Amino acid sequence: MTNRTANNKHLMLFSGRAYPELAEEVAETLGASLVPTRALAYANSEIYVRFEESVRGCDAFVIQSHTAPVNEWIMEQLIMVDALKRASAKRITVVAPFYPYARQDKKHLGREPISARLVADLFKAAGADRIMSVDLHASQIQGFFDGPVDHLWGLPVLADHVTSRYDTSDMTVVSPDAGRVRLADLWTDKLGCPLAIIHKRRDHEKANTVAVHEVVGDVKGKVCLLVDDMIDTAGTITQAAHALHERGAKQVICAATHAVFSGPAAERLNACGMSEIIVTNTLPIRTAEPIQNLTVLSIAPLIAKAINAVFMDGSVTSLFGGQA
């Protein structure tokens, strides 16, 4: 992979300022380097971007992880895409490891937006030809963008770690709510474990407020693996962990791709009694206090393989066992 891309001047990697460390790791894995970029915010908060090398005719990959403040980093990436389009880049791929506004993928009530679709429209209007993301909160987001979408899965990265450390013959995969059952099902296929589901009801009048009701499945005396695509304030995952402990689980661990870790997440995770919290580095870990038993796995090799496959006009799907 390195030799095929490092010496080809038409592959160019660009990084926004939200999380340059991940972009640098991706570039190092590819044997390439990030294009020098001048980016700054004016006194009134407007963003300015200029690339310090010619990009004419290049295959451009614009990497930006949408951590807080999300809106600022979306705008920066849109401006970067626009600059590339106006500088005659041949093809522009938006690499958004954590897709912004992914949870606003449909209307629950009247007069609500579908913001995930709006984000896709903005990328298209700016000049993006393709989007690459990891573990979309809802697979239907792929249909929001009028062009190719490479939906990568963090499951192989997370599952390799789980199988290297735990005896899966004594494990139950647990979906923390009904919405994650499909994801949990993929985990059971990968690990050969039984499935359990936690039924909960979300309070739509209060953001990030949930109530666990019951556990469906055999968890007593088992090593329970909670799986989710993201951990934000950690309300869902920690209530699920408490419910599993109350029902006799021998051990509770969790695996999630996106470590959003907003507000009280660190405090809740430290108090919930989970043996290990496994995440990837699609987002930077920036919490007020350290999170105990936290394992952070690198997603950079996965993204680098996908970028190389797109650049070489190869199959992204075949790279990841037909899941991407």
Protein backbone atom coordinates (compact mmCIF):
# COMPACT_ATOMS: atom_id res chain seq x y z
CA MET A 1 0.00 0.00 0.00
CA THR A 2 2.72 2.46 0.95
CA ASN A 3 4.78 2.15 -2.24
CA ARG A 4 1.76 2.43 -4.52
CA THR A 5 0.55 5.70 -3.04
CA ALA A 6 3.54 7.51 -1.55
CA ASN A 7 5.13 8.30 -4.92
CA ASN A 8 1.91 9.21 -6.74
CA LYS A 9 1.54 12.99 -6.81
CA HIS A 10 -2.19 12.77 -7.56
CA LEU A 11 -3.14 11.41 -4.12
CA MET A 12 -3.35 14.32 -1.70
CA LEU A 13 -4.43 14.27 1.93
CA PHE A 14 -5.83 17.31 3.74
CA SER A 15 -6.63 17.77 7.42
CA GLY A 16 -8.88 20.17 9.23
CA ARG A 17 -7.90 21.51 12.65
CA ALA A 18 -10.41 19.51 14.72
CA TYR A 19 -8.24 16.41 15.19
CA PRO A 20 -5.02 16.58 13.14
CA GLU A 21 -3.45 13.69 15.08
CA LEU A 22 -5.77 11.15 13.42
CA ALA A 23 -5.13 12.60 9.96
CA GLU A 24 -1.37 12.43 10.59
CA GLU A 25 -1.68 8.78 11.60
CA VAL A 26 -3.67 8.00 8.45
CA ALA A 27 -1.07 9.78 6.31
CA GLU A 28 1.78 7.91 8.01
CA THR A 29 0.03 4.58 7.42
CA LEU A 30 -0.35 5.45 3.73
CA GLY A 31 3.26 6.58 3.47
CA ALA A 32 2.03 10.00 2.37
CA SER A 33 2.09 13.45 3.95
CA LEU A 34 -0.59 16.03 4.67
CA VAL A 35 -0.73 19.01 2.35
CA PRO A 36 0.45 22.15 4.16
CA THR A 37 -2.60 24.27 4.86
CA ARG A 38 -3.04 27.76 6.22
CA ALA A 39 -6.21 27.88 8.31
CA LEU A 40 -7.29 30.55 10.72
CA ALA A 41 -10.32 32.24 12.25
CA TYR A 42 -10.81 35.98 11.90
CA ALA A 43 -11.81 38.14 14.84
CA ASN A 44 -15.50 37.73 13.99
CA SER A 45 -15.04 33.89 13.91
CA GLU A 46 -15.16 33.54 10.09
CA ILE A 47 -12.83 30.78 8.85
CA TYR A 48 -10.15 31.20 6.18
CA VAL A 49 -8.37 28.29 4.46
CA ARG A 50 -5.65 28.21 1.79
CA PHE A 51 -3.64 25.23 0.57
CA GLU A 52 0.05 25.93 0.11
CA GLU A 53 0.57 23.50 -2.78
CA SER A 54 -1.08 23.13 -6.18
CA VAL A 55 -4.00 20.69 -6.07
CA ARG A 56 -4.92 20.76 -9.76
CA GLY A 57 -5.97 17.31 -11.01
CA CYS A 58 -5.45 15.61 -7.65
CA ASP A 59 -7.52 12.93 -5.93
CA ALA A 60 -8.24 14.82 -2.70
CA PHE A 61 -9.21 13.31 0.65
CA VAL A 62 -10.32 15.88 3.24
CA ILE A 63 -10.15 14.44 6.75
CA GLN A 64 -12.09 16.08 9.58
CA SER A 65 -13.36 14.53 12.82
CA HIS A 66 -16.42 16.39 14.00
CA THR A 67 -15.76 16.87 17.68
CA ALA A 68 -17.08 19.86 19.65
CA PRO A 69 -17.60 22.58 18.48
CA VAL A 70 -19.23 20.52 15.72
CA ASN A 71 -20.64 23.43 13.70
CA GLU A 72 -17.26 25.14 13.43
CA TRP A 73 -15.55 22.02 12.11
CA ILE A 74 -18.33 21.31 9.62
CA MET A 75 -17.92 24.83 8.25
CA GLU A 76 -14.15 24.46 8.03
CA GLN A 77 -14.46 21.21 6.09
CA LEU A 78 -17.01 22.75 3.72
CA ILE A 79 -14.66 25.66 3.06
CA MET A 80 -11.78 23.24 2.42
CA VAL A 81 -13.91 21.33 -0.10
CA ASP A 82 -14.94 24.56 -1.81
CA ALA A 83 -11.30 25.67 -2.04
CA LEU A 84 -10.34 22.35 -3.63
CA LYS A 85 -13.19 22.55 -6.15
CA ARG A 86 -12.21 26.07 -7.18
CA ALA A 87 -8.55 25.01 -7.46
CA SER A 88 -9.49 22.23 -9.95
CA ALA A 89 -9.06 19.10 -7.84
CA LYS A 90 -10.13 16.12 -9.97
CA ARG A 91 -12.10 14.29 -7.26
CA ILE A 92 -12.90 15.30 -3.68
CA THR A 93 -13.69 12.78 -0.94
CA VAL A 94 -14.95 13.98 2.42
CA VAL A 95 -13.53 11.72 5.14
CA ALA A 96 -15.72 12.19 8.23
CA PRO A 97 -14.90 9.36 10.68
CA PHE A 98 -17.77 10.59 12.88
CA TYR A 99 -20.60 11.85 10.67
CA PRO A 100 -22.06 15.07 12.13
CA TYR A 101 -25.77 15.26 13.04
CA ALA A 102 -26.14 11.52 12.35
CA ARG A 103 -28.73 11.14 15.13
CA GLN A 104 -31.07 13.58 13.36
CA ASP A 105 -31.78 11.14 10.53
CA LYS A 106 -35.60 11.25 10.60
CA LYS A 107 -38.53 13.18 12.03
CA HIS A 108 -39.87 11.96 15.36
CA LEU A 109 -42.29 14.89 15.73
CA GLY A 110 -43.77 17.53 13.46
CA ARG A 111 -41.71 20.61 12.55
CA GLU A 112 -38.39 18.84 13.16
CA PRO A 113 -35.44 18.95 10.73
CA ILE A 114 -33.64 16.01 9.15
CA SER A 115 -30.22 17.51 9.80
CA ALA A 116 -28.22 14.48 8.63
CA ARG A 117 -29.68 15.02 5.15
CA LEU A 118 -28.88 18.75 5.34
CA VAL A 119 -25.23 17.96 6.10
CA ALA A 120 -25.06 15.64 3.07
CA ASP A 121 -26.58 18.38 0.90
CA LEU A 122 -24.03 20.89 2.18
CA PHE A 123 -21.11 18.61 1.32
CA LYS A 124 -22.55 18.07 -2.16
CA ALA A 125 -23.12 21.78 -2.70
CA ALA A 126 -19.56 22.55 -1.59
CA GLY A 127 -18.21 20.19 -4.27
CA ALA A 128 -17.69 16.80 -2.62
CA ASP A 129 -17.86 13.80 -4.97
CA ARG A 130 -17.75 11.11 -2.30
CA ILE A 131 -18.17 10.63 1.45
CA MET A 132 -16.32 8.18 3.68
CA SER A 133 -17.45 7.59 7.27
CA VAL A 134 -17.23 5.00 10.05
CA ASP A 135 -20.26 3.41 11.73
CA LEU A 136 -23.07 5.72 10.68
CA HIS A 137 -25.71 5.97 13.39
CA ALA A 138 -28.34 5.08 10.78
CA SER A 139 -27.48 3.26 7.55
CA GLN A 140 -30.12 5.23 5.65
CA ILE A 141 -27.77 8.24 5.75
CA GLN A 142 -25.94 6.59 2.84
CA GLY A 143 -28.97 7.46 0.70
CA PHE A 144 -28.91 11.13 1.71
CA PHE A 145 -25.82 11.87 -0.39
CA ASP A 146 -26.12 11.96 -4.19
CA GLY A 147 -22.90 10.05 -4.85
CA PRO A 148 -20.80 7.16 -3.48
CA VAL A 149 -20.72 6.70 0.30
CA ASP A 150 -18.12 4.38 1.82
CA HIS A 151 -19.64 3.15 5.08
CA LEU A 152 -16.79 1.59 7.05
CA TRP A 153 -17.34 -0.60 10.10
CA GLY A 154 -15.34 -0.40 13.33
CA LEU A 155 -16.55 -3.87 14.34
CA PRO A 156 -13.50 -5.80 13.01
CA VAL A 157 -11.12 -3.52 14.94
CA LEU A 158 -13.12 -3.80 18.16
CA ALA A 159 -13.86 -7.52 17.80
CA ASP A 160 -10.20 -8.43 17.31
CA HIS A 161 -9.43 -6.80 20.65
CA VAL A 162 -12.33 -8.53 22.41
CA THR A 163 -11.40 -11.99 21.12
CA SER A 164 -7.76 -11.48 22.10
CA ARG A 165 -8.67 -10.71 25.72
CA TYR A 166 -11.85 -12.61 26.56
CA ASP A 167 -13.26 -16.13 26.32
CA THR A 168 -16.19 -15.68 23.96
CA SER A 169 -17.64 -19.09 24.87
CA ASP A 170 -18.78 -17.52 28.15
CA MET A 171 -19.97 -14.25 26.61
CA THR A 172 -23.34 -12.70 25.79
CA VAL A 173 -23.57 -9.75 23.39
CA VAL A 174 -26.03 -7.16 24.71
CA SER A 175 -27.83 -4.43 22.79
CA PRO A 176 -28.36 -1.46 25.15
CA ASP A 177 -31.65 -0.61 23.41
CA ALA A 178 -33.89 -1.79 20.58
CA GLY A 179 -32.24 0.55 18.10
CA ARG A 180 -28.88 -1.22 18.34
CA VAL A 181 -30.18 -4.78 17.85
CA ARG A 182 -28.94 -4.94 14.25
CA LEU A 183 -25.44 -3.95 15.38
CA ALA A 184 -25.54 -6.49 18.23
CA ASP A 185 -26.64 -9.13 15.72
CA LEU A 186 -23.52 -8.50 13.65
CA TRP A 187 -21.43 -8.92 16.81
CA THR A 188 -23.08 -12.25 17.61
CA ASP A 189 -22.31 -13.47 14.08
CA LYS A 190 -18.69 -12.37 14.48
CA LEU A 191 -18.13 -13.84 17.96
CA GLY A 192 -20.58 -16.77 17.89
CA CYS A 193 -22.27 -15.58 21.10
CA PRO A 194 -25.92 -15.43 22.19
CA LEU A 195 -27.79 -12.12 22.14
CA ALA A 196 -29.57 -10.20 24.88
CA ILE A 197 -31.54 -6.97 24.58
CA ILE A 198 -32.24 -4.23 27.10
CA HIS A 199 -35.65 -2.64 26.70
CA LYS A 200 -35.70 1.02 27.61
CA ARG A 201 -37.90 4.04 27.11
CA ARG A 202 -36.44 7.44 26.29
CA ASP A 203 -38.01 10.58 27.74
CA HIS A 204 -38.51 12.83 24.68
CA GLU A 205 -39.16 15.83 26.92
CA LYS A 206 -35.65 15.61 28.42
CA ALA A 207 -32.54 15.25 26.27
CA ASN A 208 -30.22 12.33 27.06
CA THR A 209 -32.64 10.87 29.63
CA VAL A 210 -33.47 7.15 29.54
CA ALA A 211 -35.10 4.57 31.78
CA VAL A 212 -34.14 0.88 31.69
CA HIS A 213 -37.06 -1.52 31.98
CA GLU A 214 -36.03 -5.13 31.46
CA VAL A 215 -33.36 -7.45 30.08
CA VAL A 216 -34.44 -9.96 27.45
CA GLY A 217 -32.02 -12.88 27.33
CA ASP A 218 -29.72 -14.93 29.57
CA VAL A 219 -27.08 -12.77 31.26
CA LYS A 220 -26.69 -14.39 34.70
CA GLY A 221 -23.12 -15.56 35.27
CA LYS A 222 -22.06 -14.34 31.83
CA VAL A 223 -19.44 -11.93 30.57
CA CYS A 224 -21.72 -9.32 29.02
CA LEU A 225 -20.47 -7.26 26.08
CA LEU A 226 -22.51 -4.09 25.56
CA VAL A 227 -22.17 -2.78 22.01
CA ASP A 228 -23.10 0.60 20.54
CA ASP A 229 -21.99 2.90 17.76
CA MET A 230 -21.27 5.82 20.11
CA ILE A 231 -21.09 6.86 23.74
CA ASP A 232 -22.16 10.47 24.24
CA THR A 233 -23.23 11.37 27.79
CA ALA A 234 -23.05 7.63 28.66
CA GLY A 235 -26.57 7.55 30.12
CA THR A 236 -27.77 4.63 28.00
CA ILE A 237 -24.66 2.47 28.33
CA THR A 238 -24.18 2.98 32.08
CA GLN A 239 -27.84 2.30 32.93
CA ALA A 240 -27.55 -0.83 30.82
CA ALA A 241 -24.43 -1.86 32.77
CA HIS A 242 -26.25 -1.36 36.09
CA ALA A 243 -29.18 -3.45 34.83
CA LEU A 244 -26.85 -6.28 33.83
CA HIS A 245 -25.05 -6.24 37.18
CA GLU A 246 -28.40 -6.35 38.99
CA ARG A 247 -29.35 -9.43 36.98
CA GLY A 248 -26.23 -11.35 37.92
CA ALA A 249 -23.78 -10.70 35.10
CA LYS A 250 -20.33 -11.97 36.03
CA GLN A 251 -18.58 -9.15 34.19
CA VAL A 252 -19.67 -6.23 32.02
CA ILE A 253 -17.57 -4.67 29.28
CA CYS A 254 -18.58 -2.39 26.43
CA ALA A 255 -17.38 -1.67 22.91
CA ALA A 256 -18.32 1.44 20.94
CA THR A 257 -16.80 3.09 17.90
CA HIS A 258 -17.27 6.79 18.65
CA ALA A 259 -16.13 8.19 22.01
CA VAL A 260 -18.12 11.44 22.07
CA PHE A 261 -17.91 11.61 25.90
CA SER A 262 -19.96 14.76 26.53
CA GLY A 263 -20.88 16.32 29.89
CA PRO A 264 -21.11 13.73 32.70
CA ALA A 265 -19.82 10.81 30.59
CA ALA A 266 -16.52 10.33 32.44
CA GLU A 267 -18.16 10.47 35.87
CA ARG A 268 -20.89 8.02 34.86
CA LEU A 269 -18.47 5.58 33.24
CA ASN A 270 -16.18 5.59 36.26
CA ALA A 271 -19.13 4.86 38.57
CA CYS A 272 -20.82 2.10 36.55
CA GLY A 273 -18.48 -0.79 37.39
CA MET A 274 -17.62 -1.88 33.85
CA SER A 275 -14.38 -3.88 33.61
CA GLU A 276 -13.32 -2.36 30.29
CA ILE A 277 -14.58 0.39 27.99
CA ILE A 278 -13.31 -0.17 24.45
CA VAL A 279 -13.52 2.63 21.88
CA THR A 280 -11.70 3.78 18.74
CA ASN A 281 -10.03 7.10 18.06
CA THR A 282 -12.49 8.44 15.48
CA LEU A 283 -12.78 11.36 17.91
CA PRO A 284 -10.22 12.84 20.31
CA ILE A 285 -10.63 11.86 23.98
CA ARG A 286 -11.06 15.12 25.87
CA THR A 287 -12.69 14.63 29.25
CA ALA A 288 -12.44 16.63 32.45
CA GLU A 289 -11.30 13.55 34.35
CA PRO A 290 -9.55 10.35 33.21
CA ILE A 291 -11.82 7.39 32.44
CA GLN A 292 -10.81 4.22 34.24
CA ASN A 293 -10.42 0.97 32.29
CA LEU A 294 -10.55 2.83 28.97
CA THR A 295 -8.96 1.20 25.92
CA VAL A 296 -8.59 3.30 22.77
CA LEU A 297 -7.93 1.43 19.51
CA SER A 298 -6.67 3.12 16.36
CA ILE A 299 -9.07 3.43 13.43
CA ALA A 300 -6.35 4.94 11.20
CA PRO A 301 -5.34 1.65 9.47
CA LEU A 302 -8.98 1.01 8.50
CA ILE A 303 -9.38 4.51 7.03
CA ALA A 304 -6.02 4.27 5.28
CA LYS A 305 -6.99 0.96 3.62
CA ALA A 306 -10.27 2.48 2.43
CA ILE A 307 -8.56 5.60 1.06
CA ASN A 308 -6.05 3.44 -0.79
CA ALA A 309 -8.84 1.27 -2.22
CA VAL A 310 -10.78 4.32 -3.45
CA PHE A 311 -7.64 5.88 -4.92
CA MET A 312 -6.66 2.67 -6.72
CA ASP A 313 -10.28 2.12 -7.89
CA GLY A 314 -10.41 -1.10 -5.89
CA SER A 315 -13.22 -2.63 -3.87
CA VAL A 316 -13.81 -1.10 -0.45
CA THR A 317 -16.40 -3.79 0.34
CA SER A 318 -13.96 -6.66 -0.17
CA LEU A 319 -11.53 -5.13 2.31
CA PHE A 320 -13.85 -5.56 5.24
CA GLY A 321 -15.53 -8.89 4.73
CA GLY A 322 -18.47 -7.49 2.77
CA GLN A 323 -19.61 -5.16 5.56
CA ALA A 324 -18.34 -1.83 4.22
